[in-house]
Amino acid sequence: MDRAVVMSIFKAMRTSRTLVSCTFEDTNINGYYMRMVESRGQEEGSNEVGNWFIEFCKNREVLETVMFRTPLRVPHDCMYTDTALKLQKIQNGQDVVWDRDQGHPPSPLRQALDLEDPVEVQAALSGGASPGWEDYRLAVELDDWRSLAALLTHRPPTGAREARLLGSAAFGGRPKCAELLLFWGAGLEARDS
């Protein structure tokens, strides 16, 4: 197993429209990782693992769970899950690395955003839902500008959060949301990165 093979697996997971659950068992990914660390060092090995996680976490289709039944022997902090907005759970052996319900609890608003349904987003907001950071991020990552407009109209983020959304939209290739945020008046001067 080499870098191209391993990365192609995770890229395929990112783009799959049919993969719901993926379990890795006895795959020798640990062997590949250990060879990477031995030849290139711990930092580069950790960055490589981080890139794997970034790839499959960006699936915005039906992927719900990823499990490494044979646990990856890698530092926990290199398992980047920041982009796992619709993925329900990532498990490394018995360790739960990511649980969506912990970071973005189920709600009618989250369900409407998952469906990219601005009418239902507006209904949830009218029903008393209060948008949080994860709701804004999800709308931007899906480039669902209509739902984002409903969130902004209800309660816009301010300062650094507003700028982070704009940065995420622009750098993530989400032109509709970037344009909406610029029209809304989001400024880059508050960006905190």
N, C-alpha and C. Protein backbone atom coordinates (compact mmCIF):
# COMPACT_ATOMS: atom_id res chain seq x y z
N MET A 1 0.86 -1.17 0.00
CA MET A 1 0.00 0.00 0.00
C MET A 1 0.90 1.23 0.00
N ASP A 2 0.61 2.17 -0.90
CA ASP A 2 1.40 3.39 -0.95
C ASP A 2 0.48 4.62 -0.83
N ARG A 3 1.10 5.79 -0.88
CA ARG A 3 0.36 7.03 -0.66
C ARG A 3 -0.79 7.20 -1.66
N ALA A 4 -0.55 6.92 -2.93
CA ALA A 4 -1.59 7.11 -3.94
C ALA A 4 -2.79 6.20 -3.68
N VAL A 5 -2.54 4.96 -3.28
CA VAL A 5 -3.63 4.03 -3.00
C VAL A 5 -4.43 4.50 -1.79
N VAL A 6 -3.74 4.84 -0.71
CA VAL A 6 -4.43 5.27 0.51
C VAL A 6 -5.24 6.54 0.24
N MET A 7 -4.63 7.52 -0.40
CA MET A 7 -5.35 8.77 -0.64
C MET A 7 -6.52 8.57 -1.60
N SER A 8 -6.37 7.67 -2.57
CA SER A 8 -7.48 7.43 -3.51
C SER A 8 -8.69 6.85 -2.78
N ILE A 9 -8.46 6.05 -1.76
CA ILE A 9 -9.58 5.50 -0.97
C ILE A 9 -10.34 6.64 -0.31
N PHE A 10 -9.61 7.55 0.33
CA PHE A 10 -10.28 8.64 1.06
C PHE A 10 -10.90 9.67 0.12
N LYS A 11 -10.30 9.89 -1.04
CA LYS A 11 -10.92 10.77 -2.03
C LYS A 11 -12.21 10.16 -2.57
N ALA A 12 -12.20 8.84 -2.77
CA ALA A 12 -13.42 8.16 -3.23
C ALA A 12 -14.53 8.29 -2.18
N MET A 13 -14.15 8.20 -0.92
CA MET A 13 -15.14 8.36 0.16
C MET A 13 -15.73 9.77 0.14
N ARG A 14 -14.88 10.75 -0.15
CA ARG A 14 -15.34 12.14 -0.18
C ARG A 14 -16.41 12.36 -1.25
N THR A 15 -16.24 11.75 -2.39
CA THR A 15 -17.12 12.04 -3.53
C THR A 15 -18.26 11.04 -3.69
N SER A 16 -18.27 9.99 -2.90
CA SER A 16 -19.30 8.96 -3.06
C SER A 16 -20.69 9.50 -2.74
N ARG A 17 -21.63 9.15 -3.60
CA ARG A 17 -23.04 9.52 -3.39
C ARG A 17 -23.84 8.34 -2.86
N THR A 18 -23.19 7.19 -2.65
CA THR A 18 -23.90 6.00 -2.21
C THR A 18 -23.35 5.40 -0.92
N LEU A 19 -22.13 5.70 -0.55
CA LEU A 19 -21.50 5.13 0.65
C LEU A 19 -22.16 5.70 1.90
N VAL A 20 -22.73 4.81 2.72
CA VAL A 20 -23.40 5.23 3.96
C VAL A 20 -22.52 4.95 5.17
N SER A 21 -21.86 3.80 5.18
CA SER A 21 -21.03 3.41 6.29
C SER A 21 -19.77 2.73 5.75
N CYS A 22 -18.64 3.02 6.38
CA CYS A 22 -17.38 2.44 5.92
C CYS A 22 -16.60 1.96 7.14
N THR A 23 -16.23 0.68 7.13
CA THR A 23 -15.45 0.09 8.22
C THR A 23 -14.13 -0.40 7.66
N PHE A 24 -13.05 0.04 8.29
CA PHE A 24 -11.71 -0.41 7.94
C PHE A 24 -11.29 -1.46 8.97
N GLU A 25 -10.85 -2.62 8.46
CA GLU A 25 -10.42 -3.68 9.36
C GLU A 25 -9.24 -4.40 8.73
N ASP A 26 -8.15 -4.51 9.47
CA ASP A 26 -6.96 -5.20 8.99
C ASP A 26 -6.53 -4.71 7.60
N THR A 27 -6.42 -3.41 7.45
CA THR A 27 -6.11 -2.83 6.14
C THR A 27 -4.64 -2.53 5.93
N ASN A 28 -3.84 -2.61 6.96
CA ASN A 28 -2.42 -2.27 6.94
C ASN A 28 -2.20 -0.76 6.77
N ILE A 29 -3.21 0.04 7.06
CA ILE A 29 -3.01 1.50 7.05
C ILE A 29 -2.02 1.88 8.14
N ASN A 30 -2.05 1.16 9.28
CA ASN A 30 -1.07 1.44 10.33
C ASN A 30 0.35 1.19 9.85
N GLY A 31 0.54 0.12 9.07
CA GLY A 31 1.87 -0.17 8.53
C GLY A 31 2.34 0.94 7.61
N TYR A 32 1.44 1.42 6.76
CA TYR A 32 1.78 2.53 5.87
C TYR A 32 2.15 3.77 6.70
N TYR A 33 1.33 4.08 7.71
CA TYR A 33 1.59 5.24 8.56
C TYR A 33 2.96 5.12 9.24
N MET A 34 3.27 3.94 9.79
CA MET A 34 4.54 3.75 10.49
C MET A 34 5.73 3.90 9.52
N ARG A 35 5.60 3.40 8.30
CA ARG A 35 6.67 3.58 7.30
C ARG A 35 6.85 5.06 6.98
N MET A 36 5.73 5.79 6.90
CA MET A 36 5.78 7.23 6.64
C MET A 36 6.53 7.95 7.76
N VAL A 37 6.21 7.61 9.00
CA VAL A 37 6.88 8.25 10.15
C VAL A 37 8.37 7.92 10.15
N GLU A 38 8.71 6.65 9.89
CA GLU A 38 10.11 6.25 9.89
C GLU A 38 10.91 6.94 8.79
N SER A 39 10.30 7.12 7.62
CA SER A 39 11.05 7.72 6.51
C SER A 39 10.99 9.24 6.47
N ARG A 40 9.89 9.83 6.94
CA ARG A 40 9.73 11.28 6.80
C ARG A 40 9.52 12.03 8.11
N GLY A 41 9.32 11.31 9.20
CA GLY A 41 9.16 11.95 10.49
C GLY A 41 7.72 12.02 10.96
N GLN A 42 7.59 12.22 12.28
CA GLN A 42 6.27 12.23 12.93
C GLN A 42 5.37 13.33 12.39
N GLU A 43 5.92 14.53 12.19
CA GLU A 43 5.09 15.65 11.73
C GLU A 43 4.48 15.37 10.35
N GLU A 44 5.29 14.89 9.43
CA GLU A 44 4.76 14.61 8.09
C GLU A 44 3.77 13.45 8.11
N GLY A 45 4.03 12.45 8.94
CA GLY A 45 3.09 11.34 9.08
C GLY A 45 1.75 11.81 9.64
N SER A 46 1.81 12.67 10.64
CA SER A 46 0.57 13.20 11.23
C SER A 46 -0.18 14.07 10.23
N ASN A 47 0.55 14.87 9.45
CA ASN A 47 -0.11 15.69 8.42
C ASN A 47 -0.80 14.82 7.38
N GLU A 48 -0.16 13.70 7.03
CA GLU A 48 -0.76 12.78 6.05
C GLU A 48 -2.08 12.23 6.57
N VAL A 49 -2.09 11.78 7.83
CA VAL A 49 -3.33 11.27 8.44
C VAL A 49 -4.38 12.38 8.47
N GLY A 50 -3.96 13.58 8.83
CA GLY A 50 -4.89 14.72 8.84
C GLY A 50 -5.52 14.92 7.48
N ASN A 51 -4.74 14.78 6.42
CA ASN A 51 -5.28 14.92 5.06
C ASN A 51 -6.29 13.83 4.73
N TRP A 52 -6.07 12.61 5.24
CA TRP A 52 -7.05 11.54 5.02
C TRP A 52 -8.39 11.95 5.63
N PHE A 53 -8.33 12.40 6.88
CA PHE A 53 -9.57 12.78 7.58
C PHE A 53 -10.25 13.95 6.89
N ILE A 54 -9.48 14.94 6.48
CA ILE A 54 -10.07 16.09 5.78
C ILE A 54 -10.82 15.62 4.54
N GLU A 55 -10.24 14.69 3.80
CA GLU A 55 -10.88 14.20 2.57
C GLU A 55 -12.23 13.57 2.86
N PHE A 56 -12.26 12.52 3.67
CA PHE A 56 -13.54 11.81 3.81
C PHE A 56 -14.55 12.59 4.63
N CYS A 57 -14.10 13.48 5.50
CA CYS A 57 -15.04 14.30 6.28
C CYS A 57 -15.80 15.30 5.41
N LYS A 58 -15.30 15.59 4.23
CA LYS A 58 -15.96 16.55 3.34
C LYS A 58 -17.11 15.93 2.54
N ASN A 59 -17.41 14.66 2.76
CA ASN A 59 -18.55 14.05 2.07
C ASN A 59 -19.82 14.76 2.55
N ARG A 60 -20.59 15.32 1.62
CA ARG A 60 -21.83 16.03 1.95
C ARG A 60 -23.04 15.28 1.39
N GLU A 61 -22.84 13.99 1.09
CA GLU A 61 -23.92 13.18 0.54
C GLU A 61 -24.55 12.35 1.65
N VAL A 62 -24.39 11.02 1.62
CA VAL A 62 -25.08 10.16 2.58
C VAL A 62 -24.15 9.44 3.56
N LEU A 63 -22.84 9.68 3.49
CA LEU A 63 -21.91 9.03 4.40
C LEU A 63 -22.24 9.42 5.84
N GLU A 64 -22.49 8.41 6.68
CA GLU A 64 -22.86 8.66 8.08
C GLU A 64 -21.79 8.23 9.07
N THR A 65 -21.19 7.07 8.85
CA THR A 65 -20.24 6.57 9.83
C THR A 65 -18.97 6.04 9.16
N VAL A 66 -17.86 6.27 9.85
CA VAL A 66 -16.57 5.73 9.44
C VAL A 66 -15.98 5.10 10.69
N MET A 67 -15.58 3.83 10.56
CA MET A 67 -15.01 3.14 11.71
C MET A 67 -13.71 2.47 11.32
N PHE A 68 -12.70 2.69 12.14
CA PHE A 68 -11.43 1.99 12.02
C PHE A 68 -11.47 0.91 13.10
N ARG A 69 -11.99 -0.28 12.72
CA ARG A 69 -12.15 -1.36 13.71
C ARG A 69 -10.79 -1.75 14.27
N THR A 70 -9.79 -1.85 13.39
CA THR A 70 -8.42 -1.99 13.85
C THR A 70 -7.94 -0.55 14.06
N PRO A 71 -7.80 -0.13 15.33
CA PRO A 71 -7.53 1.29 15.59
C PRO A 71 -6.26 1.79 14.91
N LEU A 72 -6.36 3.02 14.40
CA LEU A 72 -5.17 3.68 13.87
C LEU A 72 -4.28 4.04 15.05
N ARG A 73 -3.02 3.74 14.94
CA ARG A 73 -2.06 4.09 16.00
C ARG A 73 -1.42 5.43 15.67
N VAL A 74 -2.25 6.44 15.70
CA VAL A 74 -1.80 7.80 15.36
C VAL A 74 -2.22 8.75 16.47
N PRO A 75 -1.54 9.88 16.61
CA PRO A 75 -1.95 10.86 17.62
C PRO A 75 -3.38 11.33 17.35
N HIS A 76 -4.17 11.41 18.42
CA HIS A 76 -5.57 11.82 18.30
C HIS A 76 -5.71 13.20 17.66
N ASP A 77 -4.78 14.11 17.95
CA ASP A 77 -4.92 15.48 17.45
C ASP A 77 -4.68 15.62 15.95
N CYS A 78 -4.22 14.56 15.27
CA CYS A 78 -4.05 14.66 13.81
C CYS A 78 -5.28 14.13 13.07
N MET A 79 -6.29 13.69 13.82
CA MET A 79 -7.54 13.24 13.21
C MET A 79 -8.46 14.44 13.07
N TYR A 80 -8.25 15.22 12.01
CA TYR A 80 -8.97 16.48 11.80
C TYR A 80 -10.42 16.22 11.43
N THR A 81 -11.33 16.74 12.23
CA THR A 81 -12.76 16.53 11.99
C THR A 81 -13.51 17.84 11.77
N ASP A 82 -12.79 18.94 11.59
CA ASP A 82 -13.45 20.25 11.43
C ASP A 82 -14.40 20.30 10.24
N THR A 83 -14.15 19.48 9.23
CA THR A 83 -14.98 19.53 8.03
C THR A 83 -16.10 18.49 8.06
N ALA A 84 -16.24 17.77 9.15
CA ALA A 84 -17.24 16.69 9.25
C ALA A 84 -18.61 17.26 9.64
N LEU A 85 -19.22 17.99 8.75
CA LEU A 85 -20.46 18.67 9.10
C LEU A 85 -21.70 17.80 8.99
N LYS A 86 -21.72 16.83 8.07
CA LYS A 86 -22.89 15.96 7.94
C LYS A 86 -22.59 14.52 8.38
N LEU A 87 -21.34 14.21 8.59
CA LEU A 87 -20.94 12.89 9.03
C LEU A 87 -21.38 12.69 10.48
N GLN A 88 -22.06 11.58 10.77
CA GLN A 88 -22.59 11.35 12.12
C GLN A 88 -21.53 10.94 13.12
N LYS A 89 -20.70 9.94 12.75
CA LYS A 89 -19.77 9.40 13.74
C LYS A 89 -18.51 8.86 13.08
N ILE A 90 -17.38 9.12 13.74
CA ILE A 90 -16.10 8.53 13.36
C ILE A 90 -15.58 7.81 14.60
N GLN A 91 -15.23 6.55 14.43
CA GLN A 91 -14.76 5.77 15.56
C GLN A 91 -13.42 5.15 15.22
N ASN A 92 -12.48 5.24 16.17
CA ASN A 92 -11.16 4.64 16.03
C ASN A 92 -11.03 3.57 17.12
N GLY A 93 -11.30 2.32 16.75
CA GLY A 93 -11.39 1.27 17.76
C GLY A 93 -12.61 1.56 18.62
N GLN A 94 -12.42 1.63 19.93
CA GLN A 94 -13.52 1.97 20.84
C GLN A 94 -13.67 3.47 21.08
N ASP A 95 -12.68 4.24 20.63
CA ASP A 95 -12.65 5.69 20.85
C ASP A 95 -13.52 6.41 19.81
N VAL A 96 -14.48 7.18 20.28
CA VAL A 96 -15.29 7.99 19.38
C VAL A 96 -14.54 9.29 19.12
N VAL A 97 -14.11 9.47 17.87
CA VAL A 97 -13.32 10.64 17.48
C VAL A 97 -14.24 11.81 17.16
N TRP A 98 -15.40 11.51 16.57
CA TRP A 98 -16.35 12.56 16.17
C TRP A 98 -17.76 12.03 16.37
N ASP A 99 -18.59 12.83 17.02
CA ASP A 99 -20.01 12.53 17.16
C ASP A 99 -20.76 13.81 16.86
N ARG A 100 -21.40 13.84 15.71
CA ARG A 100 -22.06 15.06 15.26
C ARG A 100 -23.09 15.58 16.27
N ASP A 101 -23.80 14.67 16.89
CA ASP A 101 -24.84 15.08 17.83
C ASP A 101 -24.28 15.81 19.04
N GLN A 102 -23.01 15.60 19.35
CA GLN A 102 -22.38 16.33 20.46
C GLN A 102 -22.06 17.77 20.07
N GLY A 103 -21.56 17.97 18.85
CA GLY A 103 -21.16 19.31 18.40
C GLY A 103 -22.28 20.11 17.76
N HIS A 104 -23.27 19.42 17.21
CA HIS A 104 -24.38 20.08 16.52
C HIS A 104 -25.64 19.23 16.78
N PRO A 105 -26.25 19.42 17.95
CA PRO A 105 -27.37 18.56 18.36
C PRO A 105 -28.51 18.55 17.33
N PRO A 106 -29.17 17.39 17.22
CA PRO A 106 -30.30 17.28 16.30
C PRO A 106 -31.39 18.30 16.64
N SER A 107 -31.97 18.87 15.60
CA SER A 107 -33.05 19.84 15.78
C SER A 107 -33.78 19.98 14.46
N PRO A 108 -34.97 20.55 14.47
CA PRO A 108 -35.66 20.81 13.21
C PRO A 108 -34.84 21.73 12.28
N LEU A 109 -34.09 22.67 12.87
CA LEU A 109 -33.27 23.57 12.06
C LEU A 109 -32.15 22.79 11.37
N ARG A 110 -31.45 21.95 12.12
CA ARG A 110 -30.37 21.16 11.52
C ARG A 110 -30.91 20.24 10.43
N GLN A 111 -32.07 19.64 10.67
CA GLN A 111 -32.66 18.75 9.67
C GLN A 111 -33.00 19.53 8.40
N ALA A 112 -33.55 20.72 8.54
CA ALA A 112 -33.88 21.54 7.37
C ALA A 112 -32.62 21.94 6.61
N LEU A 113 -31.55 22.27 7.35
CA LEU A 113 -30.29 22.61 6.70
C LEU A 113 -29.70 21.41 5.97
N ASP A 114 -29.77 20.23 6.59
CA ASP A 114 -29.28 19.01 5.93
C ASP A 114 -29.99 18.78 4.61
N LEU A 115 -31.27 19.10 4.56
CA LEU A 115 -32.07 18.91 3.35
C LEU A 115 -31.93 20.08 2.36
N GLU A 116 -31.20 21.12 2.79
CA GLU A 116 -31.04 22.34 1.98
C GLU A 116 -32.41 22.89 1.56
N ASP A 117 -33.28 23.01 2.56
CA ASP A 117 -34.65 23.44 2.34
C ASP A 117 -34.89 24.78 3.04
N PRO A 118 -34.74 25.90 2.32
CA PRO A 118 -34.88 27.21 2.96
C PRO A 118 -36.28 27.48 3.53
N VAL A 119 -37.30 26.88 2.97
CA VAL A 119 -38.66 27.05 3.50
C VAL A 119 -38.75 26.42 4.89
N GLU A 120 -38.19 25.23 5.03
CA GLU A 120 -38.19 24.56 6.34
C GLU A 120 -37.25 25.26 7.33
N VAL A 121 -36.15 25.82 6.82
CA VAL A 121 -35.25 26.60 7.69
C VAL A 121 -36.02 27.78 8.27
N GLN A 122 -36.75 28.48 7.41
CA GLN A 122 -37.54 29.63 7.87
C GLN A 122 -38.62 29.18 8.85
N ALA A 123 -39.24 28.04 8.60
CA ALA A 123 -40.27 27.52 9.51
C ALA A 123 -39.66 27.20 10.88
N ALA A 124 -38.48 26.59 10.90
CA ALA A 124 -37.82 26.27 12.17
C ALA A 124 -37.47 27.55 12.92
N LEU A 125 -36.98 28.56 12.20
CA LEU A 125 -36.65 29.84 12.84
C LEU A 125 -37.90 30.52 13.38
N SER A 126 -38.98 30.48 12.61
CA SER A 126 -40.24 31.07 13.06
C SER A 126 -40.81 30.32 14.25
N GLY A 127 -40.47 29.03 14.35
CA GLY A 127 -40.93 28.21 15.47
C GLY A 127 -40.09 28.36 16.72
N GLY A 128 -39.12 29.26 16.71
CA GLY A 128 -38.33 29.53 17.90
C GLY A 128 -36.90 29.04 17.88
N ALA A 129 -36.48 28.40 16.80
CA ALA A 129 -35.08 27.93 16.72
C ALA A 129 -34.14 29.13 16.70
N SER A 130 -33.03 28.97 17.38
CA SER A 130 -32.02 30.03 17.43
C SER A 130 -30.75 29.49 16.76
N PRO A 131 -30.34 30.09 15.63
CA PRO A 131 -29.18 29.54 14.92
C PRO A 131 -27.88 29.71 15.70
N GLY A 132 -27.08 28.66 15.64
CA GLY A 132 -25.76 28.68 16.26
C GLY A 132 -24.69 28.64 15.18
N TRP A 133 -23.45 28.69 15.60
CA TRP A 133 -22.31 28.72 14.68
C TRP A 133 -22.35 27.54 13.71
N GLU A 134 -22.65 26.33 14.21
CA GLU A 134 -22.66 25.15 13.34
C GLU A 134 -23.74 25.24 12.26
N ASP A 135 -24.84 25.93 12.55
CA ASP A 135 -25.89 26.11 11.53
C ASP A 135 -25.39 26.99 10.39
N TYR A 136 -24.73 28.09 10.74
CA TYR A 136 -24.17 28.97 9.71
C TYR A 136 -23.13 28.23 8.88
N ARG A 137 -22.23 27.51 9.58
CA ARG A 137 -21.17 26.76 8.88
C ARG A 137 -21.75 25.74 7.91
N LEU A 138 -22.80 25.04 8.36
CA LEU A 138 -23.40 24.01 7.51
C LEU A 138 -24.00 24.63 6.25
N ALA A 139 -24.71 25.73 6.41
CA ALA A 139 -25.30 26.40 5.23
C ALA A 139 -24.20 26.84 4.27
N VAL A 140 -23.10 27.39 4.79
CA VAL A 140 -22.01 27.85 3.93
C VAL A 140 -21.33 26.66 3.25
N GLU A 141 -21.02 25.60 4.00
CA GLU A 141 -20.33 24.45 3.42
C GLU A 141 -21.16 23.78 2.33
N LEU A 142 -22.48 23.84 2.45
CA LEU A 142 -23.35 23.27 1.42
C LEU A 142 -23.60 24.26 0.29
N ASP A 143 -23.08 25.48 0.43
CA ASP A 143 -23.32 26.59 -0.49
C ASP A 143 -24.82 26.80 -0.69
N ASP A 144 -25.54 26.66 0.41
CA ASP A 144 -27.00 26.83 0.41
C ASP A 144 -27.30 28.29 0.78
N TRP A 145 -27.17 29.17 -0.19
CA TRP A 145 -27.29 30.60 0.06
C TRP A 145 -28.70 30.99 0.49
N ARG A 146 -29.71 30.28 0.04
CA ARG A 146 -31.08 30.64 0.44
C ARG A 146 -31.30 30.38 1.93
N SER A 147 -30.82 29.24 2.40
CA SER A 147 -30.93 28.96 3.84
C SER A 147 -30.05 29.91 4.65
N LEU A 148 -28.86 30.21 4.12
CA LEU A 148 -27.99 31.17 4.80
C LEU A 148 -28.67 32.53 4.89
N ALA A 149 -29.37 32.95 3.84
CA ALA A 149 -30.08 34.23 3.88
C ALA A 149 -31.13 34.22 4.98
N ALA A 150 -31.84 33.10 5.15
CA ALA A 150 -32.84 33.02 6.22
C ALA A 150 -32.17 33.14 7.59
N LEU A 151 -31.02 32.48 7.76
CA LEU A 151 -30.30 32.57 9.03
C LEU A 151 -29.82 34.00 9.30
N LEU A 152 -29.26 34.63 8.27
CA LEU A 152 -28.74 36.00 8.42
C LEU A 152 -29.86 36.98 8.75
N THR A 153 -31.00 36.79 8.12
CA THR A 153 -32.14 37.68 8.37
C THR A 153 -32.64 37.52 9.80
N HIS A 154 -32.62 36.29 10.27
CA HIS A 154 -33.13 36.02 11.62
C HIS A 154 -32.18 36.56 12.70
N ARG A 155 -30.89 36.21 12.57
CA ARG A 155 -29.89 36.66 13.55
C ARG A 155 -28.50 36.52 12.93
N PRO A 156 -27.97 37.60 12.42
CA PRO A 156 -26.65 37.50 11.77
C PRO A 156 -25.52 37.33 12.79
N PRO A 157 -24.47 36.59 12.39
CA PRO A 157 -23.28 36.53 13.24
C PRO A 157 -22.58 37.88 13.20
N THR A 158 -21.71 38.10 14.14
CA THR A 158 -21.04 39.39 14.19
C THR A 158 -19.52 39.21 14.21
N GLY A 159 -18.84 40.29 13.88
CA GLY A 159 -17.39 40.40 14.02
C GLY A 159 -16.61 39.27 13.38
N ALA A 160 -15.79 38.62 14.20
CA ALA A 160 -14.88 37.60 13.71
C ALA A 160 -15.63 36.41 13.11
N ARG A 161 -16.76 36.05 13.68
CA ARG A 161 -17.53 34.91 13.14
C ARG A 161 -18.03 35.22 11.73
N GLU A 162 -18.50 36.44 11.55
CA GLU A 162 -18.97 36.87 10.22
C GLU A 162 -17.83 36.77 9.20
N ALA A 163 -16.67 37.24 9.60
CA ALA A 163 -15.51 37.20 8.71
C ALA A 163 -15.04 35.77 8.46
N ARG A 164 -15.11 34.92 9.47
CA ARG A 164 -14.74 33.51 9.29
C ARG A 164 -15.67 32.83 8.29
N LEU A 165 -16.96 33.15 8.36
CA LEU A 165 -17.90 32.58 7.39
C LEU A 165 -17.54 33.02 5.98
N LEU A 166 -17.25 34.30 5.82
CA LEU A 166 -16.89 34.82 4.51
C LEU A 166 -15.61 34.14 4.01
N GLY A 167 -14.62 34.02 4.88
CA GLY A 167 -13.37 33.34 4.51
C GLY A 167 -13.62 31.89 4.12
N SER A 168 -14.45 31.21 4.88
CA SER A 168 -14.78 29.82 4.59
C SER A 168 -15.48 29.69 3.24
N ALA A 169 -16.40 30.59 2.97
CA ALA A 169 -17.12 30.57 1.69
C ALA A 169 -16.17 30.85 0.53
N ALA A 170 -15.32 31.85 0.69
CA ALA A 170 -14.41 32.24 -0.39
C ALA A 170 -13.35 31.18 -0.64
N PHE A 171 -12.67 30.74 0.41
CA PHE A 171 -11.58 29.78 0.25
C PHE A 171 -12.10 28.38 -0.03
N GLY A 172 -13.33 28.08 0.36
CA GLY A 172 -13.90 26.76 0.15
C GLY A 172 -14.60 26.61 -1.19
N GLY A 173 -14.59 27.66 -2.01
CA GLY A 173 -15.22 27.57 -3.31
C GLY A 173 -16.74 27.57 -3.23
N ARG A 174 -17.29 28.40 -2.36
CA ARG A 174 -18.74 28.51 -2.19
C ARG A 174 -19.17 29.91 -2.66
N PRO A 175 -19.18 30.14 -3.97
CA PRO A 175 -19.37 31.50 -4.49
C PRO A 175 -20.72 32.12 -4.15
N LYS A 176 -21.78 31.34 -4.10
CA LYS A 176 -23.09 31.91 -3.81
C LYS A 176 -23.14 32.47 -2.40
N CYS A 177 -22.60 31.71 -1.45
CA CYS A 177 -22.59 32.19 -0.07
C CYS A 177 -21.61 33.34 0.12
N ALA A 178 -20.47 33.29 -0.56
CA ALA A 178 -19.51 34.40 -0.48
C ALA A 178 -20.14 35.68 -1.00
N GLU A 179 -20.83 35.58 -2.12
CA GLU A 179 -21.48 36.76 -2.69
C GLU A 179 -22.57 37.29 -1.76
N LEU A 180 -23.35 36.40 -1.17
CA LEU A 180 -24.39 36.83 -0.23
C LEU A 180 -23.78 37.53 0.98
N LEU A 181 -22.72 36.95 1.53
CA LEU A 181 -22.08 37.56 2.70
C LEU A 181 -21.47 38.92 2.37
N LEU A 182 -20.89 39.06 1.19
CA LEU A 182 -20.37 40.36 0.78
C LEU A 182 -21.51 41.37 0.60
N PHE A 183 -22.60 40.93 -0.01
CA PHE A 183 -23.77 41.79 -0.16
C PHE A 183 -24.31 42.20 1.20
N TRP A 184 -24.27 41.26 2.14
CA TRP A 184 -24.76 41.50 3.50
C TRP A 184 -23.86 42.49 4.24
N GLY A 185 -22.63 42.65 3.76
CA GLY A 185 -21.71 43.60 4.38
C GLY A 185 -20.65 42.97 5.25
N ALA A 186 -20.46 41.66 5.12
CA ALA A 186 -19.43 40.99 5.93
C ALA A 186 -18.07 41.57 5.57
N GLY A 187 -17.30 41.90 6.58
CA GLY A 187 -15.99 42.49 6.35
C GLY A 187 -14.87 41.54 6.67
N LEU A 188 -13.78 41.69 5.93
CA LEU A 188 -12.61 40.85 6.18
C LEU A 188 -11.74 41.42 7.29
N GLU A 189 -11.92 42.67 7.65
CA GLU A 189 -11.03 43.28 8.65
C GLU A 189 -11.16 42.64 10.02
N ALA A 190 -12.26 41.97 10.29
CA ALA A 190 -12.45 41.33 11.59
C ALA A 190 -11.94 39.91 11.61
N ARG A 191 -11.39 39.44 10.50
CA ARG A 191 -10.96 38.04 10.39
C ARG A 191 -9.90 37.73 11.44
N ASP A 192 -10.07 36.64 12.13
CA ASP A 192 -9.19 36.32 13.27
C ASP A 192 -8.32 35.10 13.01
N SER A 193 -7.74 34.99 11.82
CA SER A 193 -6.92 33.80 11.57
C SER A 193 -5.49 34.12 11.45
